[in-house]
Amino acid sequence: MYCPFCRNPDSRVVDSRMAEDGSSIRRRRQCPECGRRFTTVETTSLSVVKRSGVGEPFSRSKIINGVRKACQGRPVTEDDLAMLAQEVEENIRASGAAEIDAHQVGLAILGPLQKLDQVAYLRFASVYQAFESLEDFESAIALLREEAQLRQETAGKNGRSKAGAKGSR
């Protein structure tokens, strides 16, 4: 690591701390030549391989910009978009791969977006999964309804079992 002040190619690590989200390490370094201190941030690299075969660094802002279009006119805040992008990045990094296909990034967006806003999810999925007919929309909506009904039934069963347990004491 070159010293940003005197360009000496050597430096000594004085302090290391992990970032709050655990995604990077902040290091305080000192140059043995000029004695000045500077900070570096280390992160693992994650590359997205596009359809053309070209790789580029993963970018949360690209996730946010792509999803923002699907969320136009919906009650979704910038904070919601930032949290979605963070969740997507965490899910991708959890896979342990240093490179990921752009298509896989899109698939990783679908789950968190569905939880955030179902209309935005349908908009994004319609473009991402190349819906070609009304039947494609109908089947996606039917799947969303089935999942919502399952969640409702599960929540109802959990509520009844807790109420029944309290009444039996």
N, C-alpha and C. Protein backbone atom coordinates (compact mmCIF):
# COMPACT_ATOMS: atom_id res chain seq x y z
N MET A 1 0.85 -1.17 0.00
CA MET A 1 0.00 0.00 0.00
C MET A 1 0.90 1.24 0.00
N TYR A 2 0.77 2.06 -1.03
CA TYR A 2 1.57 3.27 -1.11
C TYR A 2 1.03 4.34 -0.17
N CYS A 3 1.92 5.06 0.46
CA CYS A 3 1.53 6.19 1.30
C CYS A 3 0.98 7.28 0.39
N PRO A 4 -0.22 7.80 0.68
CA PRO A 4 -0.79 8.83 -0.19
C PRO A 4 -0.06 10.18 -0.10
N PHE A 5 0.82 10.32 0.89
CA PHE A 5 1.52 11.59 1.09
C PHE A 5 2.90 11.61 0.45
N CYS A 6 3.70 10.53 0.70
CA CYS A 6 5.07 10.53 0.17
C CYS A 6 5.32 9.42 -0.86
N ARG A 7 4.30 8.60 -1.13
CA ARG A 7 4.36 7.51 -2.12
C ARG A 7 5.31 6.39 -1.73
N ASN A 8 5.69 6.31 -0.47
CA ASN A 8 6.51 5.21 0.02
C ASN A 8 5.69 3.91 -0.14
N PRO A 9 6.31 2.85 -0.67
CA PRO A 9 5.54 1.61 -0.93
C PRO A 9 5.26 0.76 0.32
N ASP A 10 5.65 1.23 1.48
CA ASP A 10 5.48 0.44 2.70
C ASP A 10 4.61 1.21 3.70
N SER A 11 3.85 0.48 4.51
CA SER A 11 3.10 1.10 5.59
C SER A 11 2.88 0.05 6.67
N ARG A 12 2.58 0.53 7.88
CA ARG A 12 2.36 -0.36 9.01
C ARG A 12 0.93 -0.19 9.49
N VAL A 13 0.24 -1.31 9.75
CA VAL A 13 -1.13 -1.26 10.26
C VAL A 13 -1.08 -0.93 11.74
N VAL A 14 -1.78 0.15 12.12
CA VAL A 14 -1.81 0.60 13.51
C VAL A 14 -3.08 0.10 14.20
N ASP A 15 -4.20 0.06 13.47
CA ASP A 15 -5.48 -0.35 14.05
C ASP A 15 -6.36 -0.94 12.96
N SER A 16 -7.12 -1.99 13.30
CA SER A 16 -8.08 -2.59 12.37
C SER A 16 -9.42 -2.72 13.06
N ARG A 17 -10.48 -2.36 12.35
CA ARG A 17 -11.84 -2.49 12.88
C ARG A 17 -12.78 -2.93 11.78
N MET A 18 -13.71 -3.81 12.16
CA MET A 18 -14.71 -4.27 11.21
C MET A 18 -15.82 -3.22 11.13
N ALA A 19 -16.37 -3.00 9.93
CA ALA A 19 -17.50 -2.09 9.76
C ALA A 19 -18.72 -2.66 10.47
N GLU A 20 -19.68 -1.80 10.77
CA GLU A 20 -20.87 -2.22 11.50
C GLU A 20 -21.59 -3.37 10.83
N ASP A 21 -21.69 -3.34 9.51
CA ASP A 21 -22.42 -4.40 8.80
C ASP A 21 -21.55 -5.61 8.50
N GLY A 22 -20.29 -5.57 8.90
CA GLY A 22 -19.40 -6.71 8.73
C GLY A 22 -18.92 -6.92 7.31
N SER A 23 -19.18 -5.99 6.43
CA SER A 23 -18.83 -6.18 5.03
C SER A 23 -17.45 -5.65 4.67
N SER A 24 -16.82 -4.93 5.58
CA SER A 24 -15.50 -4.38 5.26
C SER A 24 -14.68 -4.22 6.54
N ILE A 25 -13.39 -3.99 6.34
CA ILE A 25 -12.47 -3.74 7.46
C ILE A 25 -11.80 -2.40 7.23
N ARG A 26 -11.83 -1.56 8.25
CA ARG A 26 -11.18 -0.26 8.21
C ARG A 26 -9.83 -0.39 8.91
N ARG A 27 -8.78 0.03 8.23
CA ARG A 27 -7.44 -0.06 8.81
C ARG A 27 -6.80 1.33 8.87
N ARG A 28 -6.24 1.64 10.02
CA ARG A 28 -5.42 2.84 10.16
C ARG A 28 -3.99 2.41 9.92
N ARG A 29 -3.31 3.10 9.04
CA ARG A 29 -1.93 2.76 8.69
C ARG A 29 -1.03 3.95 8.96
N GLN A 30 0.25 3.64 9.17
CA GLN A 30 1.24 4.69 9.37
C GLN A 30 2.42 4.42 8.44
N CYS A 31 2.87 5.48 7.79
CA CYS A 31 4.01 5.37 6.88
C CYS A 31 5.30 5.45 7.70
N PRO A 32 6.21 4.47 7.54
CA PRO A 32 7.47 4.51 8.29
C PRO A 32 8.41 5.62 7.77
N GLU A 33 8.18 6.09 6.57
CA GLU A 33 9.05 7.10 5.97
C GLU A 33 8.71 8.51 6.47
N CYS A 34 7.45 8.93 6.30
CA CYS A 34 7.06 10.30 6.68
C CYS A 34 6.32 10.35 8.02
N GLY A 35 5.89 9.19 8.54
CA GLY A 35 5.24 9.14 9.84
C GLY A 35 3.77 9.51 9.84
N ARG A 36 3.22 9.87 8.69
CA ARG A 36 1.81 10.28 8.63
C ARG A 36 0.90 9.06 8.60
N ARG A 37 -0.33 9.26 9.08
CA ARG A 37 -1.31 8.17 9.13
C ARG A 37 -2.38 8.37 8.08
N PHE A 38 -2.92 7.26 7.61
CA PHE A 38 -4.02 7.29 6.65
C PHE A 38 -4.89 6.05 6.86
N THR A 39 -6.08 6.09 6.29
CA THR A 39 -7.05 5.03 6.48
C THR A 39 -7.30 4.31 5.16
N THR A 40 -7.41 2.99 5.25
CA THR A 40 -7.82 2.19 4.09
C THR A 40 -9.04 1.38 4.48
N VAL A 41 -9.83 1.03 3.49
CA VAL A 41 -11.00 0.18 3.71
C VAL A 41 -10.87 -1.02 2.80
N GLU A 42 -10.94 -2.20 3.38
CA GLU A 42 -10.83 -3.43 2.61
C GLU A 42 -12.18 -4.10 2.52
N THR A 43 -12.55 -4.49 1.31
CA THR A 43 -13.78 -5.25 1.10
C THR A 43 -13.46 -6.40 0.15
N THR A 44 -14.30 -7.42 0.21
CA THR A 44 -14.13 -8.50 -0.75
C THR A 44 -14.72 -8.05 -2.07
N SER A 45 -14.12 -8.48 -3.15
CA SER A 45 -14.64 -8.06 -4.45
C SER A 45 -15.71 -9.05 -4.91
N LEU A 46 -16.72 -8.50 -5.53
CA LEU A 46 -17.81 -9.29 -6.08
C LEU A 46 -18.07 -8.77 -7.49
N SER A 47 -17.91 -9.64 -8.47
CA SER A 47 -18.09 -9.23 -9.86
C SER A 47 -19.38 -9.79 -10.41
N VAL A 48 -20.03 -8.98 -11.23
CA VAL A 48 -21.24 -9.40 -11.92
C VAL A 48 -20.86 -9.63 -13.38
N VAL A 49 -21.14 -10.83 -13.88
CA VAL A 49 -20.84 -11.16 -15.27
C VAL A 49 -22.09 -10.93 -16.10
N LYS A 50 -21.98 -10.01 -17.04
CA LYS A 50 -23.12 -9.66 -17.89
C LYS A 50 -23.27 -10.68 -19.01
N ARG A 51 -24.39 -10.59 -19.74
CA ARG A 51 -24.65 -11.52 -20.85
C ARG A 51 -23.54 -11.52 -21.89
N SER A 52 -22.91 -10.37 -22.07
CA SER A 52 -21.84 -10.26 -23.07
C SER A 52 -20.56 -10.95 -22.60
N GLY A 53 -20.53 -11.36 -21.32
CA GLY A 53 -19.34 -12.00 -20.78
C GLY A 53 -18.42 -11.04 -20.05
N VAL A 54 -18.73 -9.76 -20.13
CA VAL A 54 -17.92 -8.74 -19.46
C VAL A 54 -18.27 -8.72 -17.97
N GLY A 55 -17.26 -8.65 -17.13
CA GLY A 55 -17.48 -8.56 -15.70
C GLY A 55 -17.33 -7.14 -15.22
N GLU A 56 -18.13 -6.78 -14.22
CA GLU A 56 -18.03 -5.45 -13.62
C GLU A 56 -18.30 -5.58 -12.13
N PRO A 57 -17.80 -4.65 -11.33
CA PRO A 57 -18.01 -4.73 -9.88
C PRO A 57 -19.50 -4.65 -9.53
N PHE A 58 -19.90 -5.41 -8.50
CA PHE A 58 -21.28 -5.34 -8.02
C PHE A 58 -21.56 -3.93 -7.53
N SER A 59 -22.77 -3.44 -7.81
CA SER A 59 -23.13 -2.08 -7.41
C SER A 59 -24.53 -2.05 -6.84
N ARG A 60 -24.63 -1.63 -5.57
CA ARG A 60 -25.96 -1.48 -4.95
C ARG A 60 -26.77 -0.42 -5.69
N SER A 61 -26.10 0.63 -6.17
CA SER A 61 -26.83 1.71 -6.84
C SER A 61 -27.51 1.21 -8.11
N LYS A 62 -26.92 0.23 -8.79
CA LYS A 62 -27.57 -0.33 -9.97
C LYS A 62 -28.83 -1.10 -9.58
N ILE A 63 -28.77 -1.79 -8.45
CA ILE A 63 -29.94 -2.50 -7.94
C ILE A 63 -31.04 -1.48 -7.64
N ILE A 64 -30.67 -0.43 -6.91
CA ILE A 64 -31.65 0.59 -6.52
C ILE A 64 -32.27 1.24 -7.75
N ASN A 65 -31.45 1.61 -8.74
CA ASN A 65 -31.98 2.26 -9.94
C ASN A 65 -32.92 1.35 -10.72
N GLY A 66 -32.58 0.07 -10.81
CA GLY A 66 -33.43 -0.86 -11.54
C GLY A 66 -34.76 -1.08 -10.84
N VAL A 67 -34.72 -1.19 -9.53
CA VAL A 67 -35.94 -1.44 -8.76
C VAL A 67 -36.77 -0.16 -8.64
N ARG A 68 -36.11 0.99 -8.60
CA ARG A 68 -36.82 2.28 -8.48
C ARG A 68 -37.85 2.43 -9.59
N LYS A 69 -37.51 2.01 -10.79
CA LYS A 69 -38.44 2.12 -11.93
C LYS A 69 -39.70 1.31 -11.68
N ALA A 70 -39.52 0.11 -11.12
CA ALA A 70 -40.67 -0.75 -10.83
C ALA A 70 -41.52 -0.20 -9.69
N CYS A 71 -40.90 0.63 -8.84
CA CYS A 71 -41.59 1.16 -7.66
C CYS A 71 -42.20 2.54 -7.89
N GLN A 72 -42.11 3.07 -9.11
CA GLN A 72 -42.67 4.39 -9.38
C GLN A 72 -44.16 4.42 -9.04
N GLY A 73 -44.55 5.43 -8.26
CA GLY A 73 -45.94 5.59 -7.89
C GLY A 73 -46.39 4.68 -6.77
N ARG A 74 -45.47 3.92 -6.20
CA ARG A 74 -45.79 3.01 -5.10
C ARG A 74 -45.31 3.62 -3.78
N PRO A 75 -45.86 3.20 -2.66
CA PRO A 75 -45.43 3.75 -1.36
C PRO A 75 -44.13 3.12 -0.87
N VAL A 76 -43.07 3.30 -1.65
CA VAL A 76 -41.76 2.73 -1.34
C VAL A 76 -40.79 3.89 -1.21
N THR A 77 -40.08 3.96 -0.07
CA THR A 77 -39.15 5.06 0.19
C THR A 77 -37.75 4.71 -0.31
N GLU A 78 -36.90 5.72 -0.35
CA GLU A 78 -35.50 5.50 -0.71
C GLU A 78 -34.82 4.58 0.32
N ASP A 79 -35.21 4.72 1.58
CA ASP A 79 -34.66 3.83 2.62
C ASP A 79 -35.05 2.39 2.35
N ASP A 80 -36.30 2.18 1.91
CA ASP A 80 -36.75 0.83 1.57
C ASP A 80 -35.89 0.25 0.44
N LEU A 81 -35.61 1.08 -0.56
CA LEU A 81 -34.79 0.63 -1.69
C LEU A 81 -33.37 0.31 -1.24
N ALA A 82 -32.82 1.14 -0.36
CA ALA A 82 -31.47 0.89 0.14
C ALA A 82 -31.42 -0.40 0.95
N MET A 83 -32.44 -0.65 1.76
CA MET A 83 -32.49 -1.89 2.54
C MET A 83 -32.63 -3.10 1.62
N LEU A 84 -33.42 -2.98 0.57
CA LEU A 84 -33.58 -4.06 -0.40
C LEU A 84 -32.24 -4.37 -1.06
N ALA A 85 -31.54 -3.33 -1.49
CA ALA A 85 -30.23 -3.52 -2.14
C ALA A 85 -29.25 -4.18 -1.19
N GLN A 86 -29.28 -3.78 0.08
CA GLN A 86 -28.39 -4.39 1.06
C GLN A 86 -28.74 -5.86 1.25
N GLU A 87 -30.03 -6.19 1.33
CA GLU A 87 -30.45 -7.58 1.50
C GLU A 87 -30.02 -8.42 0.30
N VAL A 88 -30.19 -7.87 -0.90
CA VAL A 88 -29.78 -8.58 -2.11
C VAL A 88 -28.27 -8.84 -2.07
N GLU A 89 -27.48 -7.82 -1.73
CA GLU A 89 -26.03 -7.99 -1.68
C GLU A 89 -25.64 -9.03 -0.63
N GLU A 90 -26.27 -8.97 0.54
CA GLU A 90 -25.96 -9.94 1.59
C GLU A 90 -26.27 -11.36 1.14
N ASN A 91 -27.41 -11.54 0.46
CA ASN A 91 -27.79 -12.86 -0.03
C ASN A 91 -26.78 -13.37 -1.06
N ILE A 92 -26.36 -12.49 -1.94
CA ILE A 92 -25.40 -12.88 -2.97
C ILE A 92 -24.05 -13.21 -2.35
N ARG A 93 -23.59 -12.37 -1.44
CA ARG A 93 -22.30 -12.62 -0.78
C ARG A 93 -22.33 -13.90 0.05
N ALA A 94 -23.50 -14.23 0.61
CA ALA A 94 -23.63 -15.45 1.42
C ALA A 94 -23.41 -16.71 0.58
N SER A 95 -23.59 -16.59 -0.73
CA SER A 95 -23.36 -17.74 -1.60
C SER A 95 -21.88 -18.10 -1.66
N GLY A 96 -21.01 -17.13 -1.35
CA GLY A 96 -19.58 -17.38 -1.32
C GLY A 96 -18.90 -17.26 -2.67
N ALA A 97 -19.64 -16.94 -3.70
CA ALA A 97 -19.05 -16.82 -5.03
C ALA A 97 -18.41 -15.44 -5.22
N ALA A 98 -17.29 -15.40 -5.91
CA ALA A 98 -16.62 -14.13 -6.21
C ALA A 98 -17.20 -13.50 -7.47
N GLU A 99 -17.80 -14.33 -8.32
CA GLU A 99 -18.45 -13.86 -9.55
C GLU A 99 -19.86 -14.42 -9.59
N ILE A 100 -20.78 -13.58 -10.06
CA ILE A 100 -22.17 -14.02 -10.17
C ILE A 100 -22.73 -13.52 -11.49
N ASP A 101 -23.55 -14.35 -12.09
CA ASP A 101 -24.18 -14.02 -13.36
C ASP A 101 -25.23 -12.92 -13.13
N ALA A 102 -25.34 -11.98 -14.05
CA ALA A 102 -26.31 -10.89 -13.93
C ALA A 102 -27.73 -11.42 -13.77
N HIS A 103 -28.03 -12.54 -14.42
CA HIS A 103 -29.37 -13.14 -14.30
C HIS A 103 -29.63 -13.56 -12.86
N GLN A 104 -28.62 -14.07 -12.18
CA GLN A 104 -28.76 -14.49 -10.78
C GLN A 104 -29.02 -13.28 -9.87
N VAL A 105 -28.44 -12.14 -10.21
CA VAL A 105 -28.70 -10.93 -9.44
C VAL A 105 -30.17 -10.56 -9.54
N GLY A 106 -30.71 -10.64 -10.75
CA GLY A 106 -32.13 -10.35 -10.96
C GLY A 106 -33.01 -11.29 -10.16
N LEU A 107 -32.67 -12.57 -10.15
CA LEU A 107 -33.44 -13.54 -9.37
C LEU A 107 -33.35 -13.24 -7.87
N ALA A 108 -32.18 -12.77 -7.43
CA ALA A 108 -31.99 -12.44 -6.02
C ALA A 108 -32.82 -11.21 -5.61
N ILE A 109 -33.17 -10.38 -6.57
CA ILE A 109 -33.99 -9.19 -6.31
C ILE A 109 -35.45 -9.57 -6.10
N LEU A 110 -35.92 -10.57 -6.82
CA LEU A 110 -37.34 -10.90 -6.82
C LEU A 110 -37.92 -11.19 -5.43
N GLY A 111 -37.24 -11.97 -4.62
CA GLY A 111 -37.76 -12.33 -3.30
C GLY A 111 -37.95 -11.13 -2.39
N PRO A 112 -36.89 -10.34 -2.15
CA PRO A 112 -37.04 -9.16 -1.29
C PRO A 112 -38.04 -8.14 -1.85
N LEU A 113 -38.11 -8.01 -3.18
CA LEU A 113 -39.04 -7.06 -3.78
C LEU A 113 -40.48 -7.52 -3.59
N GLN A 114 -40.69 -8.82 -3.65
CA GLN A 114 -42.04 -9.35 -3.44
C GLN A 114 -42.52 -9.03 -2.02
N LYS A 115 -41.61 -9.13 -1.04
CA LYS A 115 -41.96 -8.80 0.35
C LYS A 115 -42.21 -7.30 0.51
N LEU A 116 -41.48 -6.49 -0.25
CA LEU A 116 -41.57 -5.04 -0.12
C LEU A 116 -42.87 -4.50 -0.73
N ASP A 117 -43.16 -4.89 -1.97
CA ASP A 117 -44.34 -4.36 -2.66
C ASP A 117 -44.71 -5.31 -3.80
N GLN A 118 -45.91 -5.89 -3.73
CA GLN A 118 -46.29 -6.89 -4.72
C GLN A 118 -46.53 -6.30 -6.11
N VAL A 119 -47.02 -5.07 -6.18
CA VAL A 119 -47.23 -4.44 -7.49
C VAL A 119 -45.87 -4.18 -8.16
N ALA A 120 -44.92 -3.65 -7.38
CA ALA A 120 -43.57 -3.41 -7.91
C ALA A 120 -42.94 -4.74 -8.32
N TYR A 121 -43.19 -5.78 -7.53
CA TYR A 121 -42.67 -7.11 -7.86
C TYR A 121 -43.20 -7.56 -9.23
N LEU A 122 -44.51 -7.40 -9.44
CA LEU A 122 -45.08 -7.81 -10.73
C LEU A 122 -44.49 -7.01 -11.88
N ARG A 123 -44.31 -5.72 -11.67
CA ARG A 123 -43.72 -4.88 -12.72
C ARG A 123 -42.30 -5.36 -13.05
N PHE A 124 -41.50 -5.57 -12.01
CA PHE A 124 -40.11 -6.01 -12.22
C PHE A 124 -40.08 -7.39 -12.86
N ALA A 125 -40.88 -8.31 -12.34
CA ALA A 125 -40.91 -9.68 -12.86
C ALA A 125 -41.38 -9.70 -14.30
N SER A 126 -42.33 -8.84 -14.65
CA SER A 126 -42.85 -8.84 -16.02
C SER A 126 -41.77 -8.49 -17.03
N VAL A 127 -40.87 -7.59 -16.64
CA VAL A 127 -39.77 -7.23 -17.53
C VAL A 127 -38.65 -8.26 -17.42
N TYR A 128 -38.30 -8.60 -16.19
CA TYR A 128 -37.17 -9.48 -15.97
C TYR A 128 -37.40 -10.89 -16.50
N GLN A 129 -38.62 -11.39 -16.31
CA GLN A 129 -38.94 -12.74 -16.77
C GLN A 129 -39.61 -12.73 -18.13
N ALA A 130 -39.64 -11.57 -18.79
CA ALA A 130 -40.14 -11.41 -20.16
C ALA A 130 -41.55 -11.95 -20.33
N PHE A 131 -42.49 -11.43 -19.52
CA PHE A 131 -43.89 -11.82 -19.69
C PHE A 131 -44.31 -11.44 -21.11
N GLU A 132 -45.00 -12.36 -21.77
CA GLU A 132 -45.39 -12.12 -23.15
C GLU A 132 -46.90 -12.06 -23.35
N SER A 133 -47.66 -12.44 -22.32
CA SER A 133 -49.12 -12.47 -22.48
C SER A 133 -49.81 -12.19 -21.15
N LEU A 134 -51.11 -12.02 -21.24
CA LEU A 134 -51.90 -11.81 -20.02
C LEU A 134 -51.85 -13.05 -19.14
N GLU A 135 -51.71 -14.21 -19.74
CA GLU A 135 -51.64 -15.45 -18.98
C GLU A 135 -50.41 -15.46 -18.07
N ASP A 136 -49.31 -14.87 -18.54
CA ASP A 136 -48.11 -14.78 -17.71
C ASP A 136 -48.39 -13.96 -16.45
N PHE A 137 -49.10 -12.83 -16.63
CA PHE A 137 -49.47 -12.01 -15.48
C PHE A 137 -50.44 -12.77 -14.57
N GLU A 138 -51.43 -13.42 -15.19
CA GLU A 138 -52.42 -14.15 -14.39
C GLU A 138 -51.78 -15.25 -13.56
N SER A 139 -50.84 -15.98 -14.12
CA SER A 139 -50.20 -17.05 -13.35
C SER A 139 -49.32 -16.48 -12.24
N ALA A 140 -48.67 -15.35 -12.48
CA ALA A 140 -47.86 -14.71 -11.44
C ALA A 140 -48.75 -14.20 -10.31
N ILE A 141 -49.89 -13.63 -10.66
CA ILE A 141 -50.83 -13.14 -9.64
C ILE A 141 -51.43 -14.31 -8.87
N ALA A 142 -51.76 -15.38 -9.55
CA ALA A 142 -52.31 -16.56 -8.88
C ALA A 142 -51.30 -17.12 -7.87
N LEU A 143 -50.03 -17.14 -8.25
CA LEU A 143 -48.99 -17.62 -7.34
C LEU A 143 -48.87 -16.71 -6.12
N LEU A 144 -48.94 -15.39 -6.34
CA LEU A 144 -48.90 -14.45 -5.21
C LEU A 144 -50.09 -14.67 -4.28
N ARG A 145 -51.26 -14.92 -4.85
CA ARG A 145 -52.46 -15.16 -4.03
C ARG A 145 -52.32 -16.44 -3.22
N GLU A 146 -51.78 -17.49 -3.84
CA GLU A 146 -51.59 -18.76 -3.12
C GLU A 146 -50.63 -18.57 -1.95
N GLU A 147 -49.54 -17.87 -2.18
CA GLU A 147 -48.56 -17.63 -1.12
C GLU A 147 -49.17 -16.80 0.00
N ALA A 148 -49.98 -15.78 -0.34
CA ALA A 148 -50.62 -14.94 0.67
C ALA A 148 -51.61 -15.77 1.48
N GLN A 149 -52.35 -16.65 0.82
CA GLN A 149 -53.31 -17.49 1.53
C GLN A 149 -52.60 -18.47 2.47
N LEU A 150 -51.50 -19.04 2.02
CA LEU A 150 -50.73 -19.94 2.89
C LEU A 150 -50.21 -19.21 4.12
N ARG A 151 -49.71 -17.98 3.92
CA ARG A 151 -49.23 -17.19 5.06
C ARG A 151 -50.37 -16.90 6.03
N GLN A 152 -51.54 -16.58 5.48
CA GLN A 152 -52.70 -16.26 6.31
C GLN A 152 -53.14 -17.49 7.10
N GLU A 153 -53.17 -18.65 6.45
CA GLU A 153 -53.57 -19.89 7.13
C GLU A 153 -52.56 -20.25 8.22
N THR A 154 -51.28 -20.09 7.92
CA THR A 154 -50.24 -20.39 8.90
C THR A 154 -50.36 -19.45 10.10
N ALA A 155 -50.58 -18.17 9.84
CA ALA A 155 -50.73 -17.19 10.92
C ALA A 155 -51.98 -17.51 11.74
N GLY A 156 -53.05 -17.92 11.09
CA GLY A 156 -54.28 -18.28 11.79
C GLY A 156 -54.10 -19.48 12.69
N LYS A 157 -53.39 -20.51 12.20
CA LYS A 157 -53.13 -21.71 12.99
C LYS A 157 -52.26 -21.39 14.19
N ASN A 158 -51.24 -20.56 13.99
CA ASN A 158 -50.36 -20.17 15.09
C ASN A 158 -51.12 -19.38 16.14
N GLY A 159 -52.03 -18.51 15.71
CA GLY A 159 -52.84 -17.73 16.64
C GLY A 159 -53.79 -18.59 17.43
N ARG A 160 -54.42 -19.58 16.78
CA ARG A 160 -55.36 -20.48 17.47
C ARG A 160 -54.65 -21.38 18.46
N SER A 161 -53.47 -21.90 18.08
CA SER A 161 -52.77 -22.82 18.97
C SER A 161 -52.29 -22.09 20.22
N LYS A 162 -51.90 -20.83 20.09
CA LYS A 162 -51.48 -20.06 21.26
C LYS A 162 -52.69 -19.75 22.14
N ALA A 163 -53.82 -19.41 21.53
CA ALA A 163 -55.01 -19.09 22.29
C ALA A 163 -55.51 -20.35 23.00
N GLY A 164 -55.47 -21.50 22.31
CA GLY A 164 -55.92 -22.75 22.91
C GLY A 164 -55.03 -23.16 24.07
N ALA A 165 -53.74 -22.90 23.95
CA ALA A 165 -52.80 -23.27 25.00
C ALA A 165 -53.05 -22.42 26.24
N LYS A 166 -53.40 -21.14 26.03
CA LYS A 166 -53.66 -20.27 27.17
C LYS A 166 -54.94 -20.68 27.88
N GLY A 167 -55.97 -21.09 27.11
CA GLY A 167 -57.26 -21.44 27.68
C GLY A 167 -57.23 -22.76 28.43
N SER A 168 -56.28 -23.63 28.16
CA SER A 168 -56.23 -24.94 28.79
C SER A 168 -55.54 -24.92 30.14
N ARG A 169 -54.94 -23.82 30.51
CA ARG A 169 -54.22 -23.75 31.79
C ARG A 169 -55.13 -23.52 32.93
